Amino acid sequence: MVKAFFKVAFRNFVNERFFSLINLAGLSIGIAVALLIAVFIAHEVRLRSLS
């Protein structure tokens, strides 16, 4: 079943390259921003616990 999902996803990626790249770029930016926010929050928590 999972193999079928990957086949469909790959087929859609090949057929709709432009929109797939836009979606992939958006996902990458979203993950990067989420990681930056998590690192910033962890840093702030560490600083506040020291003072």
N, C-alpha and C. Protein backbone atom coordinates (compact mmCIF):
# COMPACT_ATOMS: atom_id res chain seq x y z
N MET A 1 0.82 -1.19 0.00
CA MET A 1 0.00 0.00 0.00
C MET A 1 0.87 1.26 0.00
N VAL A 2 1.89 1.26 0.84
CA VAL A 2 2.79 2.42 0.90
C VAL A 2 3.53 2.57 -0.42
N LYS A 3 3.88 1.46 -1.02
CA LYS A 3 4.57 1.50 -2.31
C LYS A 3 3.71 2.19 -3.36
N ALA A 4 2.41 1.94 -3.33
CA ALA A 4 1.49 2.59 -4.27
C ALA A 4 1.45 4.09 -4.03
N PHE A 5 1.48 4.51 -2.77
CA PHE A 5 1.47 5.94 -2.46
C PHE A 5 2.72 6.62 -3.02
N PHE A 6 3.87 5.96 -2.86
CA PHE A 6 5.10 6.54 -3.38
C PHE A 6 5.09 6.59 -4.91
N LYS A 7 4.51 5.58 -5.55
CA LYS A 7 4.43 5.59 -7.01
C LYS A 7 3.57 6.75 -7.49
N VAL A 8 2.44 6.96 -6.83
CA VAL A 8 1.55 8.06 -7.21
C VAL A 8 2.23 9.40 -6.95
N ALA A 9 2.90 9.54 -5.81
CA ALA A 9 3.59 10.78 -5.49
C ALA A 9 4.69 11.07 -6.51
N PHE A 10 5.45 10.05 -6.88
CA PHE A 10 6.52 10.25 -7.86
C PHE A 10 5.94 10.62 -9.22
N ARG A 11 4.87 9.96 -9.61
CA ARG A 11 4.23 10.26 -10.89
C ARG A 11 3.72 11.71 -10.92
N ASN A 12 3.11 12.15 -9.82
CA ASN A 12 2.63 13.53 -9.76
C ASN A 12 3.79 14.51 -9.75
N PHE A 13 4.89 14.15 -9.10
CA PHE A 13 6.06 15.03 -9.08
C PHE A 13 6.61 15.21 -10.48
N VAL A 14 6.66 14.13 -11.26
CA VAL A 14 7.20 14.19 -12.61
C VAL A 14 6.27 14.97 -13.53
N ASN A 15 4.97 14.75 -13.39
CA ASN A 15 4.01 15.40 -14.29
C ASN A 15 3.82 16.88 -13.96
N GLU A 16 3.90 17.24 -12.71
CA GLU A 16 3.67 18.63 -12.28
C GLU A 16 4.94 19.17 -11.62
N ARG A 17 6.00 19.28 -12.37
CA ARG A 17 7.30 19.65 -11.81
C ARG A 17 7.29 21.03 -11.16
N PHE A 18 6.72 22.01 -11.85
CA PHE A 18 6.75 23.38 -11.34
C PHE A 18 6.05 23.49 -10.00
N PHE A 19 4.83 22.98 -9.92
CA PHE A 19 4.07 23.06 -8.67
C PHE A 19 4.70 22.20 -7.59
N SER A 20 5.28 21.09 -7.98
CA SER A 20 5.96 20.24 -7.01
C SER A 20 7.17 20.95 -6.41
N LEU A 21 7.91 21.66 -7.24
CA LEU A 21 9.08 22.39 -6.73
C LEU A 21 8.65 23.54 -5.82
N ILE A 22 7.55 24.20 -6.16
CA ILE A 22 7.03 25.26 -5.29
C ILE A 22 6.63 24.67 -3.94
N ASN A 23 5.92 23.55 -3.97
CA ASN A 23 5.51 22.90 -2.72
C ASN A 23 6.71 22.43 -1.91
N LEU A 24 7.69 21.88 -2.57
CA LEU A 24 8.89 21.41 -1.89
C LEU A 24 9.67 22.58 -1.28
N ALA A 25 9.74 23.69 -2.00
CA ALA A 25 10.42 24.87 -1.46
C ALA A 25 9.67 25.41 -0.24
N GLY A 26 8.35 25.45 -0.31
CA GLY A 26 7.57 25.91 0.83
C GLY A 26 7.73 25.02 2.04
N LEU A 27 7.75 23.72 1.81
CA LEU A 27 7.96 22.77 2.91
C LEU A 27 9.34 22.95 3.53
N SER A 28 10.35 23.13 2.69
CA SER A 28 11.72 23.32 3.19
C SER A 28 11.84 24.60 4.01
N ILE A 29 11.25 25.67 3.52
CA ILE A 29 11.29 26.94 4.25
C ILE A 29 10.55 26.81 5.58
N GLY A 30 9.41 26.14 5.56
CA GLY A 30 8.64 25.96 6.79
C GLY A 30 9.39 25.16 7.83
N ILE A 31 10.04 24.09 7.41
CA ILE A 31 10.82 23.28 8.36
C ILE A 31 12.01 24.08 8.89
N ALA A 32 12.67 24.84 8.02
CA ALA A 32 13.82 25.64 8.46
C ALA A 32 13.39 26.69 9.48
N VAL A 33 12.27 27.35 9.24
CA VAL A 33 11.78 28.37 10.18
C VAL A 33 11.39 27.73 11.51
N ALA A 34 10.73 26.57 11.45
CA ALA A 34 10.35 25.88 12.69
C ALA A 34 11.59 25.50 13.50
N LEU A 35 12.63 25.03 12.84
CA LEU A 35 13.87 24.69 13.54
C LEU A 35 14.54 25.92 14.14
N LEU A 36 14.54 27.02 13.40
CA LEU A 36 15.13 28.26 13.93
C LEU A 36 14.37 28.75 15.15
N ILE A 37 13.05 28.66 15.12
CA ILE A 37 12.25 29.07 16.27
C ILE A 37 12.54 28.18 17.47
N ALA A 38 12.65 26.88 17.23
CA ALA A 38 12.94 25.95 18.33
C ALA A 38 14.31 26.23 18.94
N VAL A 39 15.30 26.51 18.11
CA VAL A 39 16.64 26.82 18.62
C VAL A 39 16.62 28.14 19.40
N PHE A 40 15.91 29.12 18.89
CA PHE A 40 15.81 30.41 19.58
C PHE A 40 15.15 30.24 20.95
N ILE A 41 14.06 29.50 21.00
CA ILE A 41 13.36 29.29 22.27
C ILE A 41 14.25 28.53 23.25
N ALA A 42 14.95 27.51 22.79
CA ALA A 42 15.85 26.76 23.67
C ALA A 42 16.95 27.66 24.20
N HIS A 43 17.46 28.53 23.37
CA HIS A 43 18.51 29.46 23.78
C HIS A 43 17.98 30.43 24.85
N GLU A 44 16.80 30.97 24.62
CA GLU A 44 16.21 31.90 25.58
C GLU A 44 15.93 31.22 26.92
N VAL A 45 15.46 30.01 26.88
CA VAL A 45 15.17 29.28 28.12
C VAL A 45 16.46 29.04 28.90
N ARG A 46 17.52 28.68 28.19
CA ARG A 46 18.80 28.46 28.86
C ARG A 46 19.33 29.75 29.48
N LEU A 47 19.20 30.87 28.77
CA LEU A 47 19.68 32.15 29.30
C LEU A 47 18.91 32.55 30.55
N ARG A 48 17.61 32.35 30.54
CA ARG A 48 16.79 32.76 31.68
C ARG A 48 17.01 31.87 32.89
N SER A 49 17.36 30.62 32.65
CA SER A 49 17.59 29.73 33.79
C SER A 49 18.93 30.02 34.47
N LEU A 50 19.85 30.66 33.77
CA LEU A 50 21.15 30.99 34.35
C LEU A 50 21.09 32.23 35.23
N SER A 51 20.15 33.12 34.96
CA SER A 51 20.12 34.38 35.71
C SER A 51 19.14 34.36 36.85
